[in-house]
Amino acid sequence: MTYVIAEPCIDVVDRACVEECPVDCIYEGDRALYIHPDECVDCGACEPVCPVEAIFYEDDLPAQWSVFTDDNARFFTEPLPGAATALDSPGGAAKLGRVGVDTPLVAGHPRPA
């Protein structure tokens, strides 16, 4: 099990969770943040600092956002738009920096007016 970042993060991208994460497993796309499921140690430090309550333990993710479990993993396991290969396990978000692209689910989400 792991923590998942869901829809409320889209277009907010508040980095309080990134700063709080002791293992550097929260990566920044363009419009959302993503938790690497293999790097997350399930400590829960990120959840209480999220200002929009977008982070959930996988088993506690509300049904309406269940697609975000696979979507968070997809950010690492499938090539992102414009990339030839998947990110896989880069070994820390700080090393990689802002990725600047999102999964199709997040990229296709309506932008705020």
PDB file of N, CA and C in Angstrom:
ATOM      1  N   MET A   1       0.837  -1.188   0.000  1.00  0.00           N
ATOM      2  CA  MET A   1       0.000   0.000   0.000  1.00  0.00           C
ATOM      3  C   MET A   1       0.878   1.247   0.000  1.00  0.00           C
ATOM      4  N   THR A   2       0.291   2.331  -0.421  1.00  0.00           N
ATOM      5  CA  THR A   2       1.024   3.581  -0.506  1.00  0.00           C
ATOM      6  C   THR A   2       0.047   4.748  -0.353  1.00  0.00           C
ATOM      7  N   TYR A   3       0.582   5.926  -0.325  1.00  0.00           N
ATOM      8  CA  TYR A   3      -0.237   7.131  -0.345  1.00  0.00           C
ATOM      9  C   TYR A   3      -0.441   7.564  -1.781  1.00  0.00           C
ATOM     10  N   VAL A   4      -1.561   8.230  -2.036  1.00  0.00           N
ATOM     11  CA  VAL A   4      -1.960   8.626  -3.384  1.00  0.00           C
ATOM     12  C   VAL A   4      -2.370  10.094  -3.347  1.00  0.00           C
ATOM     13  N   ILE A   5      -1.988  10.824  -4.381  1.00  0.00           N
ATOM     14  CA  ILE A   5      -2.428  12.213  -4.525  1.00  0.00           C
ATOM     15  C   ILE A   5      -3.558  12.221  -5.542  1.00  0.00           C
ATOM     16  N   ALA A   6      -4.700  12.787  -5.148  1.00  0.00           N
ATOM     17  CA  ALA A   6      -5.911  12.740  -5.970  1.00  0.00           C
ATOM     18  C   ALA A   6      -6.236  14.098  -6.599  1.00  0.00           C
ATOM     19  N   GLU A   7      -7.389  14.160  -7.191  1.00  0.00           N
ATOM     20  CA  GLU A   7      -7.850  15.300  -7.985  1.00  0.00           C
ATOM     21  C   GLU A   7      -7.705  16.683  -7.332  1.00  0.00           C
ATOM     22  N   PRO A   8      -7.935  16.851  -6.026  1.00  0.00           N
ATOM     23  CA  PRO A   8      -7.838  18.195  -5.465  1.00  0.00           C
ATOM     24  C   PRO A   8      -6.474  18.871  -5.649  1.00  0.00           C
ATOM     25  N   CYS A   9      -5.427  18.099  -5.948  1.00  0.00           N
ATOM     26  CA  CYS A   9      -4.102  18.686  -6.164  1.00  0.00           C
ATOM     27  C   CYS A   9      -3.969  19.340  -7.534  1.00  0.00           C
ATOM     28  N   ILE A  10      -4.775  18.900  -8.493  1.00  0.00           N
ATOM     29  CA  ILE A  10      -4.633  19.414  -9.854  1.00  0.00           C
ATOM     30  C   ILE A  10      -4.785  20.934  -9.866  1.00  0.00           C
ATOM     31  N   ASP A  11      -3.815  21.585 -10.448  1.00  0.00           N
ATOM     32  CA  ASP A  11      -3.721  23.045 -10.589  1.00  0.00           C
ATOM     33  C   ASP A  11      -3.488  23.778  -9.273  1.00  0.00           C
ATOM     34  N   VAL A  12      -3.223  23.040  -8.193  1.00  0.00           N
ATOM     35  CA  VAL A  12      -2.845  23.661  -6.924  1.00  0.00           C
ATOM     36  C   VAL A  12      -1.339  23.493  -6.726  1.00  0.00           C
ATOM     37  N   VAL A  13      -0.858  22.264  -6.797  1.00  0.00           N
ATOM     38  CA  VAL A  13       0.555  21.904  -6.698  1.00  0.00           C
ATOM     39  C   VAL A  13       1.240  22.623  -5.529  1.00  0.00           C
ATOM     40  N   ASP A  14       0.626  22.586  -4.384  1.00  0.00           N
ATOM     41  CA  ASP A  14       1.247  23.107  -3.171  1.00  0.00           C
ATOM     42  C   ASP A  14       2.332  22.122  -2.749  1.00  0.00           C
ATOM     43  N   ARG A  15       3.521  22.600  -2.521  1.00  0.00           N
ATOM     44  CA  ARG A  15       4.667  21.733  -2.267  1.00  0.00           C
ATOM     45  C   ARG A  15       4.928  21.459  -0.788  1.00  0.00           C
ATOM     46  N   ALA A  16       3.979  21.755   0.079  1.00  0.00           N
ATOM     47  CA  ALA A  16       4.171  21.472   1.509  1.00  0.00           C
ATOM     48  C   ALA A  16       4.447  19.993   1.736  1.00  0.00           C
ATOM     49  N   CYS A  17       3.780  19.129   0.980  1.00  0.00           N
ATOM     50  CA  CYS A  17       3.989  17.690   1.122  1.00  0.00           C
ATOM     51  C   CYS A  17       5.395  17.292   0.686  1.00  0.00           C
ATOM     52  N   VAL A  18       5.901  17.931  -0.352  1.00  0.00           N
ATOM     53  CA  VAL A  18       7.258  17.651  -0.841  1.00  0.00           C
ATOM     54  C   VAL A  18       8.273  17.985   0.241  1.00  0.00           C
ATOM     55  N   GLU A  19       8.093  19.111   0.875  1.00  0.00           N
ATOM     56  CA  GLU A  19       9.014  19.550   1.929  1.00  0.00           C
ATOM     57  C   GLU A  19       8.967  18.620   3.139  1.00  0.00           C
ATOM     58  N   GLU A  20       7.807  18.044   3.402  1.00  0.00           N
ATOM     59  CA  GLU A  20       7.619  17.195   4.588  1.00  0.00           C
ATOM     60  C   GLU A  20       8.064  15.752   4.372  1.00  0.00           C
ATOM     61  N   CYS A  21       8.113  15.312   3.126  1.00  0.00           N
ATOM     62  CA  CYS A  21       8.418  13.909   2.818  1.00  0.00           C
ATOM     63  C   CYS A  21       9.865  13.562   3.168  1.00  0.00           C
ATOM     64  N   PRO A  22      10.075  12.604   4.078  1.00  0.00           N
ATOM     65  CA  PRO A  22      11.441  12.268   4.488  1.00  0.00           C
ATOM     66  C   PRO A  22      12.212  11.417   3.482  1.00  0.00           C
ATOM     67  N   VAL A  23      11.517  10.844   2.494  1.00  0.00           N
ATOM     68  CA  VAL A  23      12.206   9.989   1.528  1.00  0.00           C
ATOM     69  C   VAL A  23      12.200  10.568   0.115  1.00  0.00           C
ATOM     70  N   ASP A  24      11.712  11.782  -0.062  1.00  0.00           N
ATOM     71  CA  ASP A  24      11.796  12.475  -1.350  1.00  0.00           C
ATOM     72  C   ASP A  24      11.091  11.694  -2.466  1.00  0.00           C
ATOM     73  N   CYS A  25       9.890  11.205  -2.193  1.00  0.00           N
ATOM     74  CA  CYS A  25       9.186  10.369  -3.173  1.00  0.00           C
ATOM     75  C   CYS A  25       8.019  11.075  -3.848  1.00  0.00           C
ATOM     76  N   ILE A  26       7.885  12.391  -3.670  1.00  0.00           N
ATOM     77  CA  ILE A  26       6.785  13.129  -4.281  1.00  0.00           C
ATOM     78  C   ILE A  26       7.353  13.965  -5.421  1.00  0.00           C
ATOM     79  N   TYR A  27       6.901  13.645  -6.622  1.00  0.00           N
ATOM     80  CA  TYR A  27       7.431  14.233  -7.842  1.00  0.00           C
ATOM     81  C   TYR A  27       6.459  15.257  -8.409  1.00  0.00           C
ATOM     82  N   GLU A  28       7.008  16.267  -9.059  1.00  0.00           N
ATOM     83  CA  GLU A  28       6.195  17.362  -9.582  1.00  0.00           C
ATOM     84  C   GLU A  28       6.041  17.254 -11.094  1.00  0.00           C
ATOM     85  N   GLY A  29       4.784  17.116 -11.526  1.00  0.00           N
ATOM     86  CA  GLY A  29       4.474  17.172 -12.945  1.00  0.00           C
ATOM     87  C   GLY A  29       4.270  18.616 -13.345  1.00  0.00           C
ATOM     88  N   ASP A  30       3.355  18.863 -14.238  1.00  0.00           N
ATOM     89  CA  ASP A  30       3.037  20.232 -14.638  1.00  0.00           C
ATOM     90  C   ASP A  30       1.895  20.783 -13.803  1.00  0.00           C
ATOM     91  N   ARG A  31       0.812  19.996 -13.696  1.00  0.00           N
ATOM     92  CA  ARG A  31      -0.394  20.469 -13.018  1.00  0.00           C
ATOM     93  C   ARG A  31      -0.688  19.743 -11.724  1.00  0.00           C
ATOM     94  N   ALA A  32       0.124  18.733 -11.370  1.00  0.00           N
ATOM     95  CA  ALA A  32      -0.137  17.938 -10.161  1.00  0.00           C
ATOM     96  C   ALA A  32       1.160  17.327  -9.644  1.00  0.00           C
ATOM     97  N   LEU A  33       1.065  16.800  -8.442  1.00  0.00           N
ATOM     98  CA  LEU A  33       2.162  16.067  -7.815  1.00  0.00           C
ATOM     99  C   LEU A  33       1.811  14.587  -7.808  1.00  0.00           C
ATOM    100  N   TYR A  34       2.841  13.740  -7.764  1.00  0.00           N
ATOM    101  CA  TYR A  34       2.655  12.293  -7.829  1.00  0.00           C
ATOM    102  C   TYR A  34       3.558  11.622  -6.807  1.00  0.00           C
ATOM    103  N   ILE A  35       3.033  10.619  -6.105  1.00  0.00           N
ATOM    104  CA  ILE A  35       3.809   9.854  -5.131  1.00  0.00           C
ATOM    105  C   ILE A  35       4.279   8.562  -5.786  1.00  0.00           C
ATOM    106  N   HIS A  36       5.577   8.327  -5.736  1.00  0.00           N
ATOM    107  CA  HIS A  36       6.120   7.096  -6.308  1.00  0.00           C
ATOM    108  C   HIS A  36       5.744   5.928  -5.391  1.00  0.00           C
ATOM    109  N   PRO A  37       4.957   4.957  -5.890  1.00  0.00           N
ATOM    110  CA  PRO A  37       4.475   3.888  -5.010  1.00  0.00           C
ATOM    111  C   PRO A  37       5.564   2.972  -4.472  1.00  0.00           C
ATOM    112  N   ASP A  38       6.682   2.842  -5.167  1.00  0.00           N
ATOM    113  CA  ASP A  38       7.764   1.977  -4.691  1.00  0.00           C
ATOM    114  C   ASP A  38       8.724   2.704  -3.751  1.00  0.00           C
ATOM    115  N   GLU A  39       8.772   4.017  -3.831  1.00  0.00           N
ATOM    116  CA  GLU A  39       9.670   4.796  -2.976  1.00  0.00           C
ATOM    117  C   GLU A  39       8.998   5.253  -1.682  1.00  0.00           C
ATOM    118  N   CYS A  40       7.673   5.338  -1.681  1.00  0.00           N
ATOM    119  CA  CYS A  40       6.928   5.767  -0.496  1.00  0.00           C
ATOM    120  C   CYS A  40       7.071   4.720   0.614  1.00  0.00           C
ATOM    121  N   VAL A  41       7.354   5.183   1.828  1.00  0.00           N
ATOM    122  CA  VAL A  41       7.514   4.283   2.976  1.00  0.00           C
ATOM    123  C   VAL A  41       6.282   4.298   3.884  1.00  0.00           C
ATOM    124  N   ASP A  42       5.205   4.880   3.403  1.00  0.00           N
ATOM    125  CA  ASP A  42       3.930   4.903   4.124  1.00  0.00           C
ATOM    126  C   ASP A  42       4.005   5.577   5.491  1.00  0.00           C
ATOM    127  N   CYS A  43       4.834   6.594   5.599  1.00  0.00           N
ATOM    128  CA  CYS A  43       4.973   7.265   6.900  1.00  0.00           C
ATOM    129  C   CYS A  43       3.807   8.201   7.195  1.00  0.00           C
ATOM    130  N   GLY A  44       3.150   8.704   6.144  1.00  0.00           N
ATOM    131  CA  GLY A  44       2.001   9.582   6.327  1.00  0.00           C
ATOM    132  C   GLY A  44       2.340  11.029   6.627  1.00  0.00           C
ATOM    133  N   ALA A  45       3.600  11.416   6.581  1.00  0.00           N
ATOM    134  CA  ALA A  45       3.984  12.797   6.895  1.00  0.00           C
ATOM    135  C   ALA A  45       3.376  13.802   5.921  1.00  0.00           C
ATOM    136  N   CYS A  46       3.141  13.393   4.697  1.00  0.00           N
ATOM    137  CA  CYS A  46       2.625  14.295   3.672  1.00  0.00           C
ATOM    138  C   CYS A  46       1.135  14.628   3.855  1.00  0.00           C
ATOM    139  N   GLU A  47       0.385  13.676   4.348  1.00  0.00           N
ATOM    140  CA  GLU A  47      -1.074  13.815   4.392  1.00  0.00           C
ATOM    141  C   GLU A  47      -1.565  15.019   5.198  1.00  0.00           C
ATOM    142  N   PRO A  48      -1.121  15.229   6.431  1.00  0.00           N
ATOM    143  CA  PRO A  48      -1.693  16.335   7.211  1.00  0.00           C
ATOM    144  C   PRO A  48      -1.281  17.727   6.740  1.00  0.00           C
ATOM    145  N   VAL A  49      -0.217  17.850   5.953  1.00  0.00           N
ATOM    146  CA  VAL A  49       0.215  19.180   5.521  1.00  0.00           C
ATOM    147  C   VAL A  49      -0.397  19.618   4.202  1.00  0.00           C
ATOM    148  N   CYS A  50      -1.136  18.740   3.547  1.00  0.00           N
ATOM    149  CA  CYS A  50      -1.761  19.086   2.270  1.00  0.00           C
ATOM    150  C   CYS A  50      -2.905  20.067   2.517  1.00  0.00           C
ATOM    151  N   PRO A  51      -2.825  21.282   1.960  1.00  0.00           N
ATOM    152  CA  PRO A  51      -3.854  22.287   2.236  1.00  0.00           C
ATOM    153  C   PRO A  51      -5.197  22.015   1.556  1.00  0.00           C
ATOM    154  N   VAL A  52      -5.214  21.126   0.568  1.00  0.00           N
ATOM    155  CA  VAL A  52      -6.468  20.845  -0.136  1.00  0.00           C
ATOM    156  C   VAL A  52      -6.955  19.414   0.112  1.00  0.00           C
ATOM    157  N   GLU A  53      -6.337  18.726   1.053  1.00  0.00           N
ATOM    158  CA  GLU A  53      -6.712  17.362   1.428  1.00  0.00           C
ATOM    159  C   GLU A  53      -6.791  16.447   0.203  1.00  0.00           C
ATOM    160  N   ALA A  54      -5.698  16.441  -0.570  1.00  0.00           N
ATOM    161  CA  ALA A  54      -5.627  15.635  -1.793  1.00  0.00           C
ATOM    162  C   ALA A  54      -4.881  14.318  -1.581  1.00  0.00           C
ATOM    163  N   ILE A  55      -4.250  14.125  -0.417  1.00  0.00           N
ATOM    164  CA  ILE A  55      -3.424  12.950  -0.177  1.00  0.00           C
ATOM    165  C   ILE A  55      -4.165  11.972   0.733  1.00  0.00           C
ATOM    166  N   PHE A  56      -4.206  10.723   0.276  1.00  0.00           N
ATOM    167  CA  PHE A  56      -4.920   9.680   1.004  1.00  0.00           C
ATOM    168  C   PHE A  56      -4.087   8.415   1.045  1.00  0.00           C
ATOM    169  N   TYR A  57      -4.211   7.683   2.151  1.00  0.00           N
ATOM    170  CA  TYR A  57      -3.689   6.328   2.170  1.00  0.00           C
ATOM    171  C   TYR A  57      -4.519   5.558   1.146  1.00  0.00           C
ATOM    172  N   GLU A  58      -3.890   4.703   0.373  1.00  0.00           N
ATOM    173  CA  GLU A  58      -4.568   4.019  -0.731  1.00  0.00           C
ATOM    174  C   GLU A  58      -5.903   3.392  -0.328  1.00  0.00           C
ATOM    175  N   ASP A  59      -5.966   2.736   0.807  1.00  0.00           N
ATOM    176  CA  ASP A  59      -7.216   2.101   1.254  1.00  0.00           C
ATOM    177  C   ASP A  59      -8.288   3.108   1.645  1.00  0.00           C
ATOM    178  N   ASP A  60      -7.904   4.353   1.909  1.00  0.00           N
ATOM    179  CA  ASP A  60      -8.846   5.382   2.339  1.00  0.00           C
ATOM    180  C   ASP A  60      -9.241   6.346   1.224  1.00  0.00           C
ATOM    181  N   LEU A  61      -8.750   6.112   0.025  1.00  0.00           N
ATOM    182  CA  LEU A  61      -9.040   6.989  -1.102  1.00  0.00           C
ATOM    183  C   LEU A  61     -10.535   6.940  -1.432  1.00  0.00           C
ATOM    184  N   PRO A  62     -11.209   8.095  -1.463  1.00  0.00           N
ATOM    185  CA  PRO A  62     -12.638   8.096  -1.806  1.00  0.00           C
ATOM    186  C   PRO A  62     -12.874   7.469  -3.179  1.00  0.00           C
ATOM    187  N   ALA A  63     -13.978   6.770  -3.317  1.00  0.00           N
ATOM    188  CA  ALA A  63     -14.288   6.034  -4.547  1.00  0.00           C
ATOM    189  C   ALA A  63     -14.246   6.912  -5.795  1.00  0.00           C
ATOM    190  N   GLN A  64     -14.682   8.159  -5.678  1.00  0.00           N
ATOM    191  CA  GLN A  64     -14.723   9.021  -6.864  1.00  0.00           C
ATOM    192  C   GLN A  64     -13.325   9.334  -7.403  1.00  0.00           C
ATOM    193  N   TRP A  65     -12.293   9.092  -6.605  1.00  0.00           N
ATOM    194  CA  TRP A  65     -10.917   9.357  -7.035  1.00  0.00           C
ATOM    195  C   TRP A  65     -10.089   8.079  -7.145  1.00  0.00           C
ATOM    196  N   SER A  66     -10.736   6.938  -7.189  1.00  0.00           N
ATOM    197  CA  SER A  66     -10.012   5.664  -7.212  1.00  0.00           C
ATOM    198  C   SER A  66      -9.080   5.537  -8.415  1.00  0.00           C
ATOM    199  N   VAL A  67      -9.390   6.202  -9.524  1.00  0.00           N
ATOM    200  CA  VAL A  67      -8.530   6.130 -10.719  1.00  0.00           C
ATOM    201  C   VAL A  67      -7.146   6.724 -10.467  1.00  0.00           C
ATOM    202  N   PHE A  68      -7.009   7.521  -9.415  1.00  0.00           N
ATOM    203  CA  PHE A  68      -5.724   8.167  -9.144  1.00  0.00           C
ATOM    204  C   PHE A  68      -4.693   7.206  -8.557  1.00  0.00           C
ATOM    205  N   THR A  69      -5.119   6.060  -8.037  1.00  0.00           N
ATOM    206  CA  THR A  69      -4.147   5.070  -7.562  1.00  0.00           C
ATOM    207  C   THR A  69      -3.301   4.591  -8.732  1.00  0.00           C
ATOM    208  N   ASP A  70      -3.952   4.117  -9.788  1.00  0.00           N
ATOM    209  CA  ASP A  70      -3.219   3.664 -10.969  1.00  0.00           C
ATOM    210  C   ASP A  70      -2.544   4.829 -11.680  1.00  0.00           C
ATOM    211  N   ASP A  71      -3.179   5.996 -11.663  1.00  0.00           N
ATOM    212  CA  ASP A  71      -2.605   7.146 -12.352  1.00  0.00           C
ATOM    213  C   ASP A  71      -1.286   7.585 -11.711  1.00  0.00           C
ATOM    214  N   ASN A  72      -1.213   7.583 -10.372  1.00  0.00           N
ATOM    215  CA  ASN A  72       0.046   7.923  -9.707  1.00  0.00           C
ATOM    216  C   ASN A  72       1.141   6.952 -10.139  1.00  0.00           C
ATOM    217  N   ALA A  73       0.832   5.675 -10.190  1.00  0.00           N
ATOM    218  CA  ALA A  73       1.817   4.674 -10.617  1.00  0.00           C
ATOM    219  C   ALA A  73       2.173   4.855 -12.088  1.00  0.00           C
ATOM    220  N   ARG A  74       1.182   5.141 -12.914  1.00  0.00           N
ATOM    221  CA  ARG A  74       1.399   5.329 -14.346  1.00  0.00           C
ATOM    222  C   ARG A  74       2.394   6.447 -14.630  1.00  0.00           C
ATOM    223  N   PHE A  75       2.440   7.457 -13.786  1.00  0.00           N
ATOM    224  CA  PHE A  75       3.390   8.563 -13.959  1.00  0.00           C
ATOM    225  C   PHE A  75       4.826   8.036 -14.026  1.00  0.00           C
ATOM    226  N   PHE A  76       5.084   6.918 -13.370  1.00  0.00           N
ATOM    227  CA  PHE A  76       6.428   6.346 -13.312  1.00  0.00           C
ATOM    228  C   PHE A  76       6.625   5.147 -14.230  1.00  0.00           C
ATOM    229  N   THR A  77       5.553   4.433 -14.567  1.00  0.00           N
ATOM    230  CA  THR A  77       5.694   3.177 -15.293  1.00  0.00           C
ATOM    231  C   THR A  77       5.456   3.284 -16.796  1.00  0.00           C
ATOM    232  N   GLU A  78       4.854   4.366 -17.258  1.00  0.00           N
ATOM    233  CA  GLU A  78       4.607   4.555 -18.686  1.00  0.00           C
ATOM    234  C   GLU A  78       5.295   5.826 -19.152  1.00  0.00           C
ATOM    235  N   PRO A  79       5.775   5.841 -20.401  1.00  0.00           N
ATOM    236  CA  PRO A  79       6.398   7.079 -20.899  1.00  0.00           C
ATOM    237  C   PRO A  79       5.402   8.240 -20.851  1.00  0.00           C
ATOM    238  N   LEU A  80       5.848   9.359 -20.353  1.00  0.00           N
ATOM    239  CA  LEU A  80       5.017  10.556 -20.317  1.00  0.00           C
ATOM    240  C   LEU A  80       5.058  11.221 -21.688  1.00  0.00           C
ATOM    241  N   PRO A  81       4.090  12.073 -22.002  1.00  0.00           N
ATOM    242  CA  PRO A  81       4.093  12.735 -23.309  1.00  0.00           C
ATOM    243  C   PRO A  81       5.447  13.398 -23.601  1.00  0.00           C
ATOM    244  N   GLY A  82       5.989  13.085 -24.761  1.00  0.00           N
ATOM    245  CA  GLY A  82       7.269  13.657 -25.168  1.00  0.00           C
ATOM    246  C   GLY A  82       8.489  12.888 -24.701  1.00  0.00           C
ATOM    247  N   ALA A  83       8.293  11.813 -23.931  1.00  0.00           N
ATOM    248  CA  ALA A  83       9.430  11.025 -23.426  1.00  0.00           C
ATOM    249  C   ALA A  83       9.472   9.675 -24.135  1.00  0.00           C
ATOM    250  N   ALA A  84      10.673   9.194 -24.363  1.00  0.00           N
ATOM    251  CA  ALA A  84      10.844   7.901 -25.033  1.00  0.00           C
ATOM    252  C   ALA A  84      10.698   6.737 -24.061  1.00  0.00           C
ATOM    253  N   THR A  85      11.018   6.966 -22.792  1.00  0.00           N
ATOM    254  CA  THR A  85      10.953   5.896 -21.805  1.00  0.00           C
ATOM    255  C   THR A  85      10.225   6.382 -20.557  1.00  0.00           C
ATOM    256  N   ALA A  86       9.861   5.434 -19.710  1.00  0.00           N
ATOM    257  CA  ALA A  86       9.210   5.751 -18.434  1.00  0.00           C
ATOM    258  C   ALA A  86      10.244   6.285 -17.445  1.00  0.00           C
ATOM    259  N   LEU A  87       9.781   7.012 -16.443  1.00  0.00           N
ATOM    260  CA  LEU A  87      10.676   7.515 -15.390  1.00  0.00           C
ATOM    261  C   LEU A  87      11.233   6.381 -14.549  1.00  0.00           C
ATOM    262  N   ASP A  88      10.461   5.311 -14.392  1.00  0.00           N
ATOM    263  CA  ASP A  88      10.800   4.181 -13.525  1.00  0.00           C
ATOM    264  C   ASP A  88      11.027   4.661 -12.104  1.00  0.00           C
ATOM    265  N   SER A  89      12.173   4.361 -11.507  1.00  0.00           N
ATOM    266  CA  SER A  89      12.466   4.769 -10.140  1.00  0.00           C
ATOM    267  C   SER A  89      13.725   5.637 -10.141  1.00  0.00           C
ATOM    268  N   PRO A  90      13.534   6.946 -10.302  1.00  0.00           N
ATOM    269  CA  PRO A  90      14.689   7.832 -10.397  1.00  0.00           C
ATOM    270  C   PRO A  90      15.487   7.972  -9.103  1.00  0.00           C
ATOM    271  N   GLY A  91      14.931   7.507  -7.984  1.00  0.00           N
ATOM    272  CA  GLY A  91      15.672   7.555  -6.734  1.00  0.00           C
ATOM    273  C   GLY A  91      15.616   8.872  -6.001  1.00  0.00           C
ATOM    274  N   GLY A  92      14.564   9.611  -6.196  1.00  0.00           N
ATOM    275  CA  GLY A  92      14.377  10.853  -5.465  1.00  0.00           C
ATOM    276  C   GLY A  92      13.958  11.993  -6.362  1.00  0.00           C
ATOM    277  N   ALA A  93      12.954  12.707  -5.925  1.00  0.00           N
ATOM    278  CA  ALA A  93      12.414  13.808  -6.710  1.00  0.00           C
ATOM    279  C   ALA A  93      13.389  14.966  -6.828  1.00  0.00           C
ATOM    280  N   ALA A  94      14.164  15.234  -5.790  1.00  0.00           N
ATOM    281  CA  ALA A  94      15.080  16.372  -5.820  1.00  0.00           C
ATOM    282  C   ALA A  94      16.126  16.211  -6.920  1.00  0.00           C
ATOM    283  N   LYS A  95      16.598  14.993  -7.118  1.00  0.00           N
ATOM    284  CA  LYS A  95      17.578  14.736  -8.173  1.00  0.00           C
ATOM    285  C   LYS A  95      17.000  15.016  -9.551  1.00  0.00           C
ATOM    286  N   LEU A  96      15.747  14.663  -9.732  1.00  0.00           N
ATOM    287  CA  LEU A  96      15.101  14.783 -11.026  1.00  0.00           C
ATOM    288  C   LEU A  96      14.612  16.199 -11.294  1.00  0.00           C
ATOM    289  N   GLY A  97      14.128  16.861 -10.261  1.00  0.00           N
ATOM    290  CA  GLY A  97      13.555  18.192 -10.438  1.00  0.00           C
ATOM    291  C   GLY A  97      12.142  18.122 -11.002  1.00  0.00           C
ATOM    292  N   ARG A  98      11.622  19.262 -11.363  1.00  0.00           N
ATOM    293  CA  ARG A  98      10.256  19.348 -11.904  1.00  0.00           C
ATOM    294  C   ARG A  98      10.222  18.643 -13.252  1.00  0.00           C
ATOM    295  N   VAL A  99       9.304  17.687 -13.389  1.00  0.00           N
ATOM    296  CA  VAL A  99       9.190  16.932 -14.632  1.00  0.00           C
ATOM    297  C   VAL A  99       8.494  17.779 -15.700  1.00  0.00           C
ATOM    298  N   GLY A 100       7.470  18.522 -15.303  1.00  0.00           N
ATOM    299  CA  GLY A 100       6.823  19.463 -16.205  1.00  0.00           C
ATOM    300  C   GLY A 100       5.781  18.886 -17.144  1.00  0.00           C
ATOM    301  N   VAL A 101       5.491  17.596 -17.050  1.00  0.00           N
ATOM    302  CA  VAL A 101       4.410  16.976 -17.822  1.00  0.00           C
ATOM    303  C   VAL A 101       3.591  16.111 -16.881  1.00  0.00           C
ATOM    304  N   ASP A 102       2.390  15.779 -17.314  1.00  0.00           N
ATOM    305  CA  ASP A 102       1.483  14.990 -16.488  1.00  0.00           C
ATOM    306  C   ASP A 102       1.010  13.755 -17.236  1.00  0.00           C
ATOM    307  N   THR A 103       0.345  12.888 -16.496  1.00  0.00           N
ATOM    308  CA  THR A 103      -0.321  11.743 -17.106  1.00  0.00           C
ATOM    309  C   THR A 103      -1.482  12.273 -17.954  1.00  0.00           C
ATOM    310  N   PRO A 104      -1.965  11.483 -18.902  1.00  0.00           N
ATOM    311  CA  PRO A 104      -3.124  11.921 -19.694  1.00  0.00           C
ATOM    312  C   PRO A 104      -4.351  12.254 -18.838  1.00  0.00           C
ATOM    313  N   LEU A 105      -4.563  11.525 -17.731  1.00  0.00           N
ATOM    314  CA  LEU A 105      -5.704  11.816 -16.861  1.00  0.00           C
ATOM    315  C   LEU A 105      -5.631  13.244 -16.323  1.00  0.00           C
ATOM    316  N   VAL A 106      -4.488  13.617 -15.798  1.00  0.00           N
ATOM    317  CA  VAL A 106      -4.326  14.952 -15.220  1.00  0.00           C
ATOM    318  C   VAL A 106      -4.274  16.013 -16.324  1.00  0.00           C
ATOM    319  N   ALA A 107      -3.534  15.743 -17.385  1.00  0.00           N
ATOM    320  CA  ALA A 107      -3.426  16.715 -18.481  1.00  0.00           C
ATOM    321  C   ALA A 107      -4.779  17.006 -19.121  1.00  0.00           C
ATOM    322  N   GLY A 108      -5.660  16.003 -19.159  1.00  0.00           N
ATOM    323  CA  GLY A 108      -6.966  16.171 -19.758  1.00  0.00           C
ATOM    324  C   GLY A 108      -8.027  16.748 -18.843  1.00  0.00           C
ATOM    325  N   HIS A 109      -7.675  16.946 -17.579  1.00  0.00           N
ATOM    326  CA  HIS A 109      -8.632  17.503 -16.624  1.00  0.00           C
ATOM    327  C   HIS A 109      -8.928  18.942 -17.005  1.00  0.00           C
ATOM    328  N   PRO A 110     -10.197  19.361 -16.951  1.00  0.00           N
ATOM    329  CA  PRO A 110     -10.529  20.752 -17.316  1.00  0.00           C
ATOM    330  C   PRO A 110      -9.741  21.754 -16.473  1.00  0.00           C
ATOM    331  N   ARG A 111      -9.264  22.766 -17.125  1.00  0.00           N
ATOM    332  CA  ARG A 111      -8.544  23.828 -16.420  1.00  0.00           C
ATOM    333  C   ARG A 111      -9.557  24.756 -15.760  1.00  0.00           C
ATOM    334  N   PRO A 112      -9.161  25.331 -14.622  1.00  0.00           N
ATOM    335  CA  PRO A 112     -10.077  26.256 -13.946  1.00  0.00           C
ATOM    336  C   PRO A 112     -10.330  27.496 -14.812  1.00  0.00           C
ATOM    337  N   ALA A 113     -11.501  28.053 -14.659  1.00  0.00           N
ATOM    338  CA  ALA A 113     -11.874  29.231 -15.457  1.00  0.00           C
ATOM    339  C   ALA A 113     -11.142  30.465 -15.009  1.00  0.00           C
TER     340      ALA A 113
END
